[in-house]
Protein backbone atom coordinates (compact mmCIF):
# COMPACT_ATOMS: atom_id res chain seq x y z
CA MET A 1 87.10 117.83 114.41
CA PRO A 2 87.95 114.98 116.73
CA SER A 3 91.47 116.19 117.47
CA ALA A 4 92.42 113.01 119.37
CA LEU A 5 91.80 110.87 116.28
CA VAL A 6 93.56 113.30 113.95
CA ASN A 7 96.56 113.55 116.31
CA LYS A 8 96.79 109.78 116.67
CA VAL A 9 96.80 109.35 112.87
CA LYS A 10 99.39 112.12 112.56
CA GLU A 11 101.73 110.46 115.04
CA LYS A 12 101.34 106.80 114.09
CA CYS A 13 101.21 107.29 110.32
CA ASN A 14 104.04 109.83 110.20
CA MET A 15 101.77 112.50 108.74
CA THR A 16 101.84 116.25 109.20
CA LYS A 17 99.09 117.77 111.28
CA GLY A 18 98.03 119.84 108.26
CA LYS A 19 97.71 116.74 106.09
CA ALA A 20 95.70 114.83 108.71
CA GLU A 21 93.40 117.82 109.27
CA SER A 22 93.01 118.27 105.52
CA LEU A 23 91.90 114.64 105.15
CA TRP A 24 89.44 115.05 108.03
CA ASN A 25 87.98 118.19 106.43
CA ARG A 26 87.76 116.42 103.08
CA ALA A 27 85.83 113.58 104.72
CA LYS A 28 83.46 116.12 106.29
CA ASP A 29 82.92 117.81 102.92
CA LYS A 30 82.21 114.49 101.17
CA ALA A 31 79.77 113.49 103.92
CA LYS A 32 77.99 116.83 103.61
CA GLU A 33 77.68 116.40 99.83
CA GLN A 34 76.05 113.02 100.46
CA GLY A 35 73.62 114.34 103.08
CA HIS A 36 75.47 112.97 106.13
CA GLU A 37 76.78 116.24 107.55
CA GLU A 38 76.33 115.45 111.26
CA GLU A 39 76.88 111.69 111.13
CA TRP A 40 80.27 111.40 112.81
CA ASP A 41 80.53 107.64 112.32
CA TYR A 42 80.06 108.17 108.58
CA ILE A 43 82.65 110.97 108.51
CA THR A 44 85.08 108.85 110.51
CA ALA A 45 84.66 105.94 108.09
CA LEU A 46 85.43 108.23 105.14
CA PHE A 47 88.45 109.62 107.00
CA LYS A 48 89.78 106.13 107.66
CA HIS A 49 89.70 105.36 103.96
CA LEU A 50 91.21 108.69 103.00
CA VAL A 51 94.31 108.08 105.13
CA GLY A 52 95.05 105.06 102.95
CA ARG A 53 95.52 101.35 103.36
CA ASP A 54 99.00 101.51 104.86
CA CYS A 55 97.91 103.91 107.59
CA MET A 56 94.77 101.87 108.20
CA LYS A 57 96.96 98.82 108.83
CA ILE A 58 99.25 100.78 111.17
CA MET A 59 96.24 102.05 113.10
CA GLY A 60 94.83 98.52 113.38
CA TRP A 61 91.72 99.36 111.40
CA GLU A 62 90.14 96.60 109.35
CA VAL A 63 91.31 96.63 105.77
CA LYS A 64 89.10 94.73 103.35
CA GLU A 65 89.53 95.00 99.65
CA SER A 66 86.50 94.48 97.51
CA TYR A 67 85.08 95.82 94.32
CA ILE A 68 82.87 98.19 96.30
CA MET A 69 85.85 99.50 98.26
CA SER A 70 87.82 100.07 95.09
CA LEU A 71 84.94 102.24 93.89
CA VAL A 72 84.94 104.11 97.20
CA TYR A 73 88.69 104.73 96.92
CA LYS A 74 88.26 105.93 93.35
CA TYR A 75 85.47 108.29 94.39
CA LEU A 76 87.34 109.68 97.39
CA ASN A 77 90.64 110.05 95.57
CA GLU A 78 90.14 111.79 92.27
CA ASP A 79 93.39 110.30 90.98
CA GLY A 80 92.31 106.78 91.96
CA GLU A 81 95.26 106.18 94.31
CA ARG A 82 94.96 104.28 97.56
């Protein structure tokens, strides 16, 4: 796990280390399911979306809302929350 990224998200987004690590591991699992197990850019993109829109804004990551992204959020979050 890229601990620097996880720690930065933890600090800036006021998240516990366990929660940030859990989201990273979830992104890795989803990437593996989709055949992208060792593609760190893919895993990182999933992680960025899993942390949520508010955290993405805090981190300075691009936040674009589109129909496709709403489907991605729905897929990544079983309850459909962003």
